[in-house]
Amino acid sequence: MRIGGLELHCGDCGITEYCGKPLYSVCVQERFDGTDEDEYMRIAESAPAVKDLPVCEGCKRPDCDETCEYRDDEREYTCEQIADYVYANLGEIMPKHTCYQCGVDDFDADEGRYNECNEFICDNCAELNKEQHEAYRRGLTWAEHVYGR
């Protein structure tokens, strides 16, 4: 499933282990809207070792994993690093997208979005649709809107 369609149903997906607090969930980050969760996991699993939260570097507390006040912050910090790594590596392996409306098949994920039917639409077509909708809302045909009455 595409990450953009997960909509904060935490625990119902395979990438929960890569999410920090709900405000740093992977599925709310627009940069991953068109990314498949399996692809995200594949790249995340290849991520190099992440850095410790600066305040945790060299920590020797025996209760560090269970009761540490920085535990959530450290998890979020780790997830941010992994997300940045995944995003940096997506460009090399992400397939081009085809706009369902114009048929052009050379778009990157950041040049459009997925609609509610999980169809990719390029930014140009999405803008055109918005303009057409506005014309129809005002009671004009598309020709009247473009060429005037």
Protein backbone atom coordinates (compact mmCIF):
# COMPACT_ATOMS: atom_id res chain seq x y z
CA MET A 1 0.00 0.00 0.00
CA ARG A 2 1.14 3.55 -0.64
CA ILE A 3 2.33 5.31 2.51
CA GLY A 4 0.14 8.34 1.82
CA GLY A 5 -2.94 6.14 2.12
CA LEU A 6 -2.11 4.82 5.59
CA GLU A 7 -3.54 7.92 7.32
CA LEU A 8 -2.19 7.39 10.85
CA HIS A 9 -3.74 3.96 11.39
CA CYS A 10 -0.78 3.21 13.63
CA GLY A 11 0.02 -0.45 13.96
CA ASP A 12 -1.97 -1.46 10.87
CA CYS A 13 1.04 -1.28 8.57
CA GLY A 14 4.48 -2.76 8.23
CA ILE A 15 6.46 0.42 8.86
CA THR A 16 5.38 1.16 12.45
CA GLU A 17 8.86 0.33 13.73
CA TYR A 18 10.18 3.29 11.69
CA CYS A 19 7.83 5.83 13.25
CA GLY A 20 8.55 8.06 16.20
CA LYS A 21 5.76 9.85 18.04
CA PRO A 22 2.49 10.21 16.07
CA LEU A 23 3.57 13.67 14.94
CA TYR A 24 6.60 12.10 13.31
CA SER A 25 4.84 9.16 11.68
CA VAL A 26 6.14 8.32 8.24
CA CYS A 27 2.61 8.34 6.77
CA VAL A 28 2.04 12.04 7.51
CA GLN A 29 5.16 13.10 5.61
CA GLU A 30 4.15 14.23 2.12
CA ARG A 31 7.55 13.26 0.75
CA PHE A 32 6.53 9.59 1.09
CA ASP A 33 2.94 9.85 -0.22
CA GLY A 34 3.66 7.92 -3.42
CA THR A 35 6.07 5.43 -1.86
CA ASP A 36 5.01 1.84 -1.30
CA GLU A 37 5.48 0.69 2.30
CA ASP A 38 7.37 -2.43 1.15
CA GLU A 39 9.82 -0.24 -0.76
CA TYR A 40 10.26 2.00 2.31
CA MET A 41 11.03 -1.02 4.49
CA ARG A 42 13.47 -2.45 1.94
CA ILE A 43 15.49 0.77 1.87
CA ALA A 44 15.18 1.40 5.64
CA GLU A 45 16.58 -2.04 6.39
CA SER A 46 19.71 -1.15 4.41
CA ALA A 47 20.25 2.10 6.34
CA PRO A 48 23.69 2.44 7.91
CA ALA A 49 24.06 2.74 11.67
CA VAL A 50 22.34 5.82 13.03
CA LYS A 51 23.79 8.34 15.45
CA ASP A 52 22.70 8.54 19.07
CA LEU A 53 20.71 11.48 20.31
CA PRO A 54 23.43 13.96 21.39
CA VAL A 55 22.25 13.96 25.02
CA CYS A 56 22.46 10.14 25.05
CA GLU A 57 25.98 9.79 23.69
CA GLY A 58 28.09 7.81 26.12
CA CYS A 59 25.16 7.14 28.48
CA LYS A 60 25.97 4.38 30.93
CA ARG A 61 22.72 4.35 32.94
CA PRO A 62 21.50 0.81 33.60
CA ASP A 63 17.84 1.89 33.20
CA CYS A 64 18.50 3.67 29.92
CA ASP A 65 16.18 1.51 27.81
CA GLU A 66 13.16 1.35 30.12
CA THR A 67 12.77 4.53 32.16
CA CYS A 68 14.98 7.09 30.48
CA GLU A 69 13.29 10.46 30.00
CA TYR A 70 14.95 10.74 26.57
CA ARG A 71 13.67 7.38 25.30
CA ASP A 72 10.93 8.81 23.02
CA ASP A 73 13.20 11.58 21.78
CA GLU A 74 15.90 9.06 20.91
CA ARG A 75 13.41 6.89 19.00
CA GLU A 76 12.17 9.91 17.06
CA TYR A 77 15.76 11.00 16.33
CA THR A 78 16.55 7.52 14.99
CA CYS A 79 13.40 7.45 12.86
CA GLU A 80 14.20 10.87 11.39
CA GLN A 81 17.64 9.67 10.33
CA ILE A 82 16.22 6.55 8.72
CA ALA A 83 13.50 8.56 6.94
CA ASP A 84 16.11 10.97 5.57
CA TYR A 85 18.19 8.01 4.38
CA VAL A 86 15.19 6.40 2.67
CA TYR A 87 14.18 9.67 1.01
CA ALA A 88 17.73 10.29 -0.25
CA ASN A 89 17.80 6.82 -1.80
CA LEU A 90 14.30 6.80 -3.28
CA GLY A 91 15.23 8.98 -6.24
CA GLU A 92 17.60 6.35 -7.58
CA ILE A 93 15.09 3.52 -7.49
CA MET A 94 11.64 5.09 -7.63
CA PRO A 95 9.88 4.36 -10.89
CA LYS A 96 8.48 7.16 -12.97
CA HIS A 97 4.77 7.78 -12.54
CA THR A 98 2.13 8.01 -15.24
CA CYS A 99 -0.58 10.64 -14.93
CA TYR A 100 -3.95 8.94 -15.36
CA GLN A 101 -5.39 12.07 -16.96
CA CYS A 102 -2.81 13.23 -19.53
CA GLY A 103 -1.01 9.90 -19.97
CA VAL A 104 2.50 11.34 -19.70
CA ASP A 105 4.68 8.69 -18.07
CA ASP A 106 7.76 10.59 -16.94
CA PHE A 107 6.83 12.13 -13.58
CA ASP A 108 8.71 11.78 -10.30
CA ALA A 109 6.64 11.31 -7.14
CA ASP A 110 7.11 14.97 -6.13
CA GLU A 111 5.63 16.20 -9.43
CA GLY A 112 2.11 15.12 -8.57
CA ARG A 113 0.03 13.24 -6.05
CA TYR A 114 -2.27 10.27 -5.65
CA ASN A 115 -5.97 11.04 -5.60
CA GLU A 116 -8.57 9.32 -3.43
CA CYS A 117 -8.79 6.46 -5.98
CA ASN A 118 -5.01 5.90 -5.66
CA GLU A 119 -4.42 7.19 -9.21
CA PHE A 120 -1.40 9.41 -9.85
CA ILE A 121 -2.21 12.87 -11.22
CA CYS A 122 0.48 15.33 -12.24
CA ASP A 123 0.51 18.84 -10.77
CA ASN A 124 -0.44 20.40 -14.13
CA CYS A 125 -3.58 18.27 -14.50
CA ALA A 126 -4.50 18.78 -10.85
CA GLU A 127 -4.28 22.56 -11.32
CA LEU A 128 -6.30 22.36 -14.53
CA ASN A 129 -8.98 20.31 -12.76
CA LYS A 130 -9.17 22.93 -10.02
CA GLU A 131 -9.58 25.69 -12.61
CA GLN A 132 -12.26 23.73 -14.51
CA HIS A 133 -14.13 23.03 -11.30
CA GLU A 134 -14.12 26.75 -10.46
CA ALA A 135 -15.48 27.61 -13.93
CA TYR A 136 -18.28 25.04 -13.62
CA ARG A 137 -19.07 26.29 -10.12
CA ARG A 138 -19.62 29.76 -11.60
CA GLY A 139 -21.93 28.27 -14.24
CA LEU A 140 -19.52 28.61 -17.17
CA THR A 141 -18.53 26.01 -19.70
CA TRP A 142 -14.80 25.46 -20.08
CA ALA A 143 -14.81 27.32 -23.41
CA GLU A 144 -16.61 30.29 -21.87
CA HIS A 145 -14.07 30.37 -19.08
CA VAL A 146 -11.07 30.19 -21.41
CA TYR A 147 -12.32 32.44 -24.22
CA GLY A 148 -14.81 34.61 -22.30
CA ARG A 149 -18.56 34.86 -22.91
